[in-house]
């Protein structure tokens, strides 16, 4: 996870896509526990991943991408 996150933070689009493919469904299911509006969840996930890409150079390092993304989604 740490190497994938580092590659993403350095602008590697393949790493970004892998993070999305790996965690989007899990994040959706996590969000559905708190919000049943499916469109709102999709919008929040899209906003999250856009913000991640735009702010990737300033993001903290992590050894658990899933935990980091869940926390970011909650916030």
C-alpha atoms as a PDB file:
ATOM      1  CA  UNK A   1       0.000   0.000   0.000  1.00  0.00           C
ATOM      2  CA  UNK A   2       2.756   2.447   0.885  1.00  0.00           C
ATOM      3  CA  UNK A   3       4.450   2.103  -2.513  1.00  0.00           C
ATOM      4  CA  UNK A   4       1.153   2.456  -4.395  1.00  0.00           C
ATOM      5  CA  UNK A   5       0.268   5.562  -2.381  1.00  0.00           C
ATOM      6  CA  UNK A   6       3.704   7.045  -2.965  1.00  0.00           C
ATOM      7  CA  UNK A   7       3.415   6.472  -6.724  1.00  0.00           C
ATOM      8  CA  UNK A   8      -0.029   8.097  -6.714  1.00  0.00           C
ATOM      9  CA  UNK A   9       1.257  11.104  -4.774  1.00  0.00           C
ATOM     10  CA  UNK A  10       3.987  11.521  -7.394  1.00  0.00           C
ATOM     11  CA  UNK A  11       1.367  11.737 -10.158  1.00  0.00           C
ATOM     12  CA  UNK A  12       1.254   8.149 -11.434  1.00  0.00           C
ATOM     13  CA  UNK A  13      -2.155   7.880 -13.114  1.00  0.00           C
ATOM     14  CA  UNK A  14      -2.009   4.069 -13.194  1.00  0.00           C
ATOM     15  CA  UNK A  15      -1.585   4.061  -9.399  1.00  0.00           C
ATOM     16  CA  UNK A  16      -4.534   6.465  -9.071  1.00  0.00           C
ATOM     17  CA  UNK A  17      -6.699   4.205 -11.226  1.00  0.00           C
ATOM     18  CA  UNK A  18      -5.648   1.137  -9.240  1.00  0.00           C
ATOM     19  CA  UNK A  19      -6.571   2.863  -5.991  1.00  0.00           C
ATOM     20  CA  UNK A  20      -9.971   3.756  -7.431  1.00  0.00           C
ATOM     21  CA  UNK A  21     -10.623   0.250  -8.794  1.00  0.00           C
ATOM     22  CA  UNK A  22      -9.494  -1.352  -5.554  1.00  0.00           C
ATOM     23  CA  UNK A  23     -11.348   0.832  -3.057  1.00  0.00           C
ATOM     24  CA  UNK A  24     -14.385   2.440  -4.744  1.00  0.00           C
ATOM     25  CA  UNK A  25     -16.769  -0.443  -4.042  1.00  0.00           C
ATOM     26  CA  UNK A  26     -15.589  -0.778  -0.450  1.00  0.00           C
ATOM     27  CA  UNK A  27     -16.018   2.970   0.078  1.00  0.00           C
ATOM     28  CA  UNK A  28     -19.491   2.855  -1.452  1.00  0.00           C
ATOM     29  CA  UNK A  29     -20.517   0.062   0.910  1.00  0.00           C
ATOM     30  CA  UNK A  30     -19.030   1.932   3.847  1.00  0.00           C
ATOM     31  CA  UNK A  31     -20.899   5.133   2.954  1.00  0.00           C
ATOM     32  CA  UNK A  32     -24.155   3.222   2.464  1.00  0.00           C
ATOM     33  CA  UNK A  33     -24.137   2.385   6.182  1.00  0.00           C
ATOM     34  CA  UNK A  34     -24.628   6.081   6.929  1.00  0.00           C
ATOM     35  CA  UNK A  35     -26.465   7.340   3.857  1.00  0.00           C
ATOM     36  CA  UNK A  36     -28.927   5.431   1.695  1.00  0.00           C
ATOM     37  CA  UNK A  37     -29.132   8.020  -1.099  1.00  0.00           C
ATOM     38  CA  UNK A  38     -27.155   6.205  -3.795  1.00  0.00           C
ATOM     39  CA  UNK A  39     -26.714   9.275  -5.983  1.00  0.00           C
ATOM     40  CA  UNK A  40     -25.363  11.289  -3.072  1.00  0.00           C
ATOM     41  CA  UNK A  41     -22.875   8.519  -2.306  1.00  0.00           C
ATOM     42  CA  UNK A  42     -21.716   8.427  -5.933  1.00  0.00           C
ATOM     43  CA  UNK A  43     -21.335  12.213  -5.918  1.00  0.00           C
ATOM     44  CA  UNK A  44     -19.343  12.125  -2.676  1.00  0.00           C
ATOM     45  CA  UNK A  45     -17.036   9.424  -4.016  1.00  0.00           C
ATOM     46  CA  UNK A  46     -16.473  11.366  -7.215  1.00  0.00           C
ATOM     47  CA  UNK A  47     -15.712  14.520  -5.234  1.00  0.00           C
ATOM     48  CA  UNK A  48     -13.352  12.573  -2.976  1.00  0.00           C
ATOM     49  CA  UNK A  49     -11.333  11.141  -5.848  1.00  0.00           C
ATOM     50  CA  UNK A  50     -11.179  14.473  -7.686  1.00  0.00           C
ATOM     51  CA  UNK A  51      -9.914  16.190  -4.528  1.00  0.00           C
ATOM     52  CA  UNK A  52      -7.387  13.410  -3.953  1.00  0.00           C
ATOM     53  CA  UNK A  53      -5.962  13.896  -7.429  1.00  0.00           C
ATOM     54  CA  UNK A  54      -5.850  17.673  -7.163  1.00  0.00           C
ATOM     55  CA  UNK A  55      -4.214  17.632  -3.722  1.00  0.00           C
ATOM     56  CA  UNK A  56      -2.104  14.470  -4.143  1.00  0.00           C
ATOM     57  CA  UNK A  57       1.239  16.192  -3.591  1.00  0.00           C
ATOM     58  CA  UNK A  58       0.103  17.550  -0.224  1.00  0.00           C
ATOM     59  CA  UNK A  59      -1.457  14.353   1.128  1.00  0.00           C
ATOM     60  CA  UNK A  60       0.080  12.596   4.089  1.00  0.00           C
ATOM     61  CA  UNK A  61       1.844   9.285   3.701  1.00  0.00           C
ATOM     62  CA  UNK A  62      -0.077   6.187   4.732  1.00  0.00           C
ATOM     63  CA  UNK A  63       0.436   2.478   5.077  1.00  0.00           C
ATOM     64  CA  UNK A  64      -3.315   1.786   4.849  1.00  0.00           C
ATOM     65  CA  UNK A  65      -4.966   3.354   1.820  1.00  0.00           C
ATOM     66  CA  UNK A  66      -8.379   1.929   2.707  1.00  0.00           C
ATOM     67  CA  UNK A  67      -8.330   3.431   6.191  1.00  0.00           C
ATOM     68  CA  UNK A  68      -7.087   6.769   4.820  1.00  0.00           C
ATOM     69  CA  UNK A  69      -9.872   6.887   2.221  1.00  0.00           C
ATOM     70  CA  UNK A  70     -12.582   5.965   4.715  1.00  0.00           C
ATOM     71  CA  UNK A  71     -11.449   8.721   7.023  1.00  0.00           C
ATOM     72  CA  UNK A  72     -11.337  11.192   4.129  1.00  0.00           C
ATOM     73  CA  UNK A  73     -14.847  10.168   3.039  1.00  0.00           C
ATOM     74  CA  UNK A  74     -16.189  10.653   6.569  1.00  0.00           C
ATOM     75  CA  UNK A  75     -14.706  14.129   6.686  1.00  0.00           C
END
